[in-house]
């Protein structure tokens, strides 16, 4: 991680894991993926968008929780490794 990435992660982590998972995982990944997937599926199958969206808006945000936790843990591990390098 470079200095800018460390500073950005410190700002993000100061807001907390729950907020990160909600915003990055559920909203940014889950909802956006649900919309995009529904659009693609309705276009390729000829079915109505709403049919796919009702399923996707439940499933993808749940996946977003997992995505948010995995991303948080990955970034936190990377950050702590970088901070331990600097203290040595």
N, C-alpha and C. Protein backbone atom coordinates (compact mmCIF):
# COMPACT_ATOMS: atom_id res chain seq x y z
N UNK A 1 0.85 -1.18 0.00
CA UNK A 1 0.00 0.00 0.00
C UNK A 1 0.89 1.24 0.00
N UNK A 2 0.50 2.22 -0.79
CA UNK A 2 1.23 3.48 -0.75
C UNK A 2 0.61 4.40 0.31
N UNK A 3 1.22 5.56 0.50
CA UNK A 3 0.77 6.47 1.56
C UNK A 3 -0.68 6.92 1.38
N UNK A 4 -1.06 7.17 0.13
CA UNK A 4 -2.44 7.61 -0.14
C UNK A 4 -3.44 6.49 0.19
N UNK A 5 -3.11 5.27 -0.18
CA UNK A 5 -3.99 4.13 0.11
C UNK A 5 -4.11 3.92 1.62
N UNK A 6 -3.02 4.06 2.33
CA UNK A 6 -3.05 3.92 3.79
C UNK A 6 -3.94 4.99 4.40
N UNK A 7 -3.77 6.22 3.94
CA UNK A 7 -4.59 7.33 4.46
C UNK A 7 -6.08 7.10 4.17
N UNK A 8 -6.38 6.65 2.95
CA UNK A 8 -7.78 6.37 2.58
C UNK A 8 -8.36 5.25 3.42
N UNK A 9 -7.58 4.19 3.64
CA UNK A 9 -8.09 3.08 4.44
C UNK A 9 -8.29 3.50 5.89
N UNK A 10 -7.38 4.32 6.42
CA UNK A 10 -7.54 4.80 7.79
C UNK A 10 -8.84 5.61 7.94
N UNK A 11 -9.16 6.41 6.93
CA UNK A 11 -10.42 7.17 6.96
C UNK A 11 -11.61 6.23 6.89
N UNK A 12 -11.52 5.22 6.05
CA UNK A 12 -12.61 4.25 5.91
C UNK A 12 -12.79 3.44 7.18
N UNK A 13 -11.70 2.95 7.74
CA UNK A 13 -11.80 2.08 8.93
C UNK A 13 -12.25 2.86 10.15
N UNK A 14 -12.00 4.17 10.17
CA UNK A 14 -12.45 4.97 11.31
C UNK A 14 -13.98 5.07 11.37
N UNK A 15 -14.63 4.86 10.24
CA UNK A 15 -16.09 4.90 10.18
C UNK A 15 -16.72 3.57 10.60
N UNK A 16 -15.91 2.52 10.64
CA UNK A 16 -16.38 1.24 11.14
C UNK A 16 -16.69 0.21 10.08
N UNK A 17 -16.61 -1.04 10.51
CA UNK A 17 -16.84 -2.16 9.61
C UNK A 17 -18.30 -2.26 9.16
N UNK A 18 -19.23 -2.03 10.08
CA UNK A 18 -20.66 -2.13 9.72
C UNK A 18 -21.02 -1.17 8.60
N UNK A 19 -20.54 0.06 8.72
CA UNK A 19 -20.83 1.05 7.69
C UNK A 19 -20.19 0.65 6.35
N UNK A 20 -18.96 0.16 6.42
CA UNK A 20 -18.27 -0.28 5.21
C UNK A 20 -19.04 -1.40 4.51
N UNK A 21 -19.45 -2.39 5.30
CA UNK A 21 -20.18 -3.54 4.73
C UNK A 21 -21.50 -3.06 4.12
N UNK A 22 -22.19 -2.18 4.81
CA UNK A 22 -23.46 -1.67 4.31
C UNK A 22 -23.29 -0.89 3.01
N UNK A 23 -22.35 0.05 3.00
CA UNK A 23 -22.20 0.91 1.83
C UNK A 23 -21.50 0.19 0.68
N UNK A 24 -20.31 -0.37 0.97
CA UNK A 24 -19.54 -1.01 -0.10
C UNK A 24 -20.12 -2.35 -0.53
N UNK A 25 -20.54 -3.14 0.44
CA UNK A 25 -21.04 -4.47 0.12
C UNK A 25 -22.47 -4.48 -0.34
N UNK A 26 -23.37 -4.02 0.53
CA UNK A 26 -24.80 -4.13 0.24
C UNK A 26 -25.24 -3.14 -0.84
N UNK A 27 -24.93 -1.86 -0.64
CA UNK A 27 -25.42 -0.85 -1.58
C UNK A 27 -24.62 -0.83 -2.89
N UNK A 28 -23.31 -0.62 -2.78
CA UNK A 28 -22.51 -0.50 -4.00
C UNK A 28 -22.42 -1.79 -4.80
N UNK A 29 -22.17 -2.89 -4.12
CA UNK A 29 -22.04 -4.14 -4.86
C UNK A 29 -23.39 -4.83 -5.03
N UNK A 30 -24.12 -5.03 -3.94
CA UNK A 30 -25.35 -5.81 -3.98
C UNK A 30 -26.45 -5.21 -4.83
N UNK A 31 -26.77 -3.96 -4.59
CA UNK A 31 -27.87 -3.32 -5.32
C UNK A 31 -27.50 -3.07 -6.78
N UNK A 32 -26.29 -2.56 -7.00
CA UNK A 32 -25.88 -2.31 -8.39
C UNK A 32 -25.80 -3.59 -9.20
N UNK A 33 -25.28 -4.64 -8.60
CA UNK A 33 -25.22 -5.93 -9.30
C UNK A 33 -26.62 -6.47 -9.56
N UNK A 34 -27.52 -6.29 -8.62
CA UNK A 34 -28.90 -6.74 -8.80
C UNK A 34 -29.55 -6.04 -9.99
N UNK A 35 -29.33 -4.75 -10.10
CA UNK A 35 -29.91 -3.99 -11.21
C UNK A 35 -29.30 -4.44 -12.53
N UNK A 36 -27.97 -4.51 -12.58
CA UNK A 36 -27.31 -4.91 -13.83
C UNK A 36 -27.68 -6.33 -14.24
N UNK A 37 -27.69 -7.26 -13.29
CA UNK A 37 -28.04 -8.64 -13.60
C UNK A 37 -29.48 -8.72 -14.11
N UNK A 38 -30.38 -7.99 -13.48
CA UNK A 38 -31.79 -7.99 -13.90
C UNK A 38 -31.95 -7.44 -15.30
N UNK A 39 -31.22 -6.39 -15.60
CA UNK A 39 -31.27 -5.81 -16.96
C UNK A 39 -30.78 -6.81 -18.00
N UNK A 40 -29.63 -7.42 -17.72
CA UNK A 40 -29.06 -8.39 -18.67
C UNK A 40 -29.99 -9.59 -18.84
N UNK A 41 -30.48 -10.12 -17.74
CA UNK A 41 -31.35 -11.30 -17.83
C UNK A 41 -32.67 -10.99 -18.54
N UNK A 42 -33.24 -9.84 -18.28
CA UNK A 42 -34.50 -9.50 -18.94
C UNK A 42 -34.28 -9.26 -20.43
N UNK A 43 -33.14 -8.69 -20.78
CA UNK A 43 -32.84 -8.45 -22.19
C UNK A 43 -32.58 -9.75 -22.93
N UNK A 44 -31.78 -10.64 -22.32
CA UNK A 44 -31.42 -11.88 -23.02
C UNK A 44 -32.55 -12.90 -23.04
N UNK A 45 -33.43 -12.88 -22.06
CA UNK A 45 -34.49 -13.89 -22.01
C UNK A 45 -35.82 -13.37 -22.56
N UNK A 46 -35.94 -12.07 -22.66
CA UNK A 46 -37.20 -11.49 -23.14
C UNK A 46 -38.26 -11.38 -22.05
N UNK A 47 -37.92 -11.75 -20.83
CA UNK A 47 -38.86 -11.63 -19.72
C UNK A 47 -38.86 -10.21 -19.17
N UNK A 48 -39.81 -9.94 -18.30
CA UNK A 48 -39.91 -8.60 -17.71
C UNK A 48 -38.81 -8.39 -16.69
N UNK A 49 -38.30 -7.17 -16.66
CA UNK A 49 -37.25 -6.75 -15.74
C UNK A 49 -37.68 -7.01 -14.29
N UNK A 50 -38.91 -6.67 -13.96
CA UNK A 50 -39.39 -6.78 -12.60
C UNK A 50 -39.34 -8.21 -12.07
N UNK A 51 -39.59 -9.18 -12.94
CA UNK A 51 -39.53 -10.60 -12.51
C UNK A 51 -38.15 -10.94 -11.96
N UNK A 52 -37.12 -10.53 -12.66
CA UNK A 52 -35.75 -10.80 -12.21
C UNK A 52 -35.34 -9.91 -11.06
N UNK A 53 -35.76 -8.66 -11.11
CA UNK A 53 -35.33 -7.70 -10.10
C UNK A 53 -35.83 -8.07 -8.70
N UNK A 54 -37.04 -8.56 -8.59
CA UNK A 54 -37.58 -8.93 -7.28
C UNK A 54 -36.75 -10.03 -6.61
N UNK A 55 -36.24 -10.94 -7.40
CA UNK A 55 -35.37 -11.99 -6.86
C UNK A 55 -33.99 -11.41 -6.56
N UNK A 56 -33.45 -10.67 -7.51
CA UNK A 56 -32.09 -10.16 -7.40
C UNK A 56 -31.92 -9.16 -6.26
N UNK A 57 -32.94 -8.36 -5.98
CA UNK A 57 -32.80 -7.34 -4.94
C UNK A 57 -32.75 -7.96 -3.54
N UNK A 58 -33.10 -9.22 -3.44
CA UNK A 58 -32.96 -9.94 -2.17
C UNK A 58 -31.62 -10.69 -2.14
N UNK A 59 -31.33 -11.41 -3.22
CA UNK A 59 -30.17 -12.30 -3.25
C UNK A 59 -28.85 -11.54 -3.29
N UNK A 60 -28.72 -10.58 -4.17
CA UNK A 60 -27.43 -9.91 -4.35
C UNK A 60 -27.01 -9.06 -3.14
N UNK A 61 -27.89 -8.34 -2.49
CA UNK A 61 -27.45 -7.65 -1.28
C UNK A 61 -26.99 -8.60 -0.17
N UNK A 62 -27.59 -9.79 -0.08
CA UNK A 62 -27.09 -10.78 0.88
C UNK A 62 -25.66 -11.17 0.51
N UNK A 63 -25.43 -11.38 -0.78
CA UNK A 63 -24.07 -11.64 -1.25
C UNK A 63 -23.16 -10.45 -0.99
N UNK A 64 -23.73 -9.25 -1.02
CA UNK A 64 -22.97 -8.04 -0.75
C UNK A 64 -22.45 -7.97 0.67
N UNK A 65 -23.21 -8.56 1.61
CA UNK A 65 -22.73 -8.63 3.00
C UNK A 65 -21.45 -9.47 3.03
N UNK A 66 -21.48 -10.60 2.38
CA UNK A 66 -20.30 -11.45 2.32
C UNK A 66 -19.14 -10.73 1.61
N UNK A 67 -19.44 -10.10 0.50
CA UNK A 67 -18.44 -9.35 -0.25
C UNK A 67 -17.81 -8.25 0.61
N UNK A 68 -18.63 -7.53 1.35
CA UNK A 68 -18.15 -6.46 2.21
C UNK A 68 -17.24 -6.97 3.31
N UNK A 69 -17.63 -8.09 3.95
CA UNK A 69 -16.80 -8.67 5.01
C UNK A 69 -15.46 -9.16 4.46
N UNK A 70 -15.49 -9.84 3.33
CA UNK A 70 -14.25 -10.35 2.72
C UNK A 70 -13.34 -9.19 2.33
N UNK A 71 -13.90 -8.17 1.74
CA UNK A 71 -13.10 -7.01 1.33
C UNK A 71 -12.51 -6.31 2.55
N UNK A 72 -13.31 -6.12 3.58
CA UNK A 72 -12.83 -5.48 4.81
C UNK A 72 -11.65 -6.27 5.40
N UNK A 73 -11.83 -7.58 5.53
CA UNK A 73 -10.79 -8.42 6.12
C UNK A 73 -9.51 -8.40 5.28
N UNK A 74 -9.65 -8.42 3.97
CA UNK A 74 -8.50 -8.36 3.07
C UNK A 74 -7.75 -7.04 3.24
N UNK A 75 -8.49 -5.94 3.22
CA UNK A 75 -7.87 -4.63 3.34
C UNK A 75 -7.26 -4.41 4.72
N UNK A 76 -7.92 -4.90 5.74
CA UNK A 76 -7.41 -4.75 7.11
C UNK A 76 -6.10 -5.52 7.28
N UNK A 77 -6.05 -6.71 6.74
CA UNK A 77 -4.83 -7.52 6.81
C UNK A 77 -3.69 -6.82 6.07
N UNK A 78 -3.99 -6.31 4.92
CA UNK A 78 -2.99 -5.58 4.12
C UNK A 78 -2.51 -4.33 4.87
N UNK A 79 -3.44 -3.61 5.46
CA UNK A 79 -3.12 -2.40 6.21
C UNK A 79 -2.25 -2.71 7.43
N UNK A 80 -2.63 -3.70 8.20
CA UNK A 80 -1.86 -4.05 9.40
C UNK A 80 -0.46 -4.55 9.05
N UNK A 81 -0.35 -5.27 7.95
CA UNK A 81 0.96 -5.73 7.48
C UNK A 81 1.84 -4.53 7.13
N UNK A 82 1.27 -3.58 6.46
CA UNK A 82 2.01 -2.37 6.07
C UNK A 82 2.41 -1.56 7.30
N UNK A 83 1.51 -1.44 8.25
CA UNK A 83 1.82 -0.68 9.47
C UNK A 83 2.91 -1.37 10.29
N UNK A 84 2.90 -2.70 10.32
CA UNK A 84 3.94 -3.41 11.08
C UNK A 84 5.31 -3.26 10.41
N UNK A 85 5.34 -3.14 9.08
CA UNK A 85 6.59 -2.90 8.36
C UNK A 85 7.20 -1.55 8.77
N UNK A 86 6.35 -0.56 8.90
CA UNK A 86 6.81 0.78 9.19
C UNK A 86 7.32 0.94 10.61
N UNK A 87 6.83 0.11 11.53
CA UNK A 87 7.28 0.21 12.92
C UNK A 87 8.59 -0.53 13.15
N UNK A 88 8.99 -1.37 12.20
CA UNK A 88 10.25 -2.12 12.35
C UNK A 88 11.43 -1.31 11.93
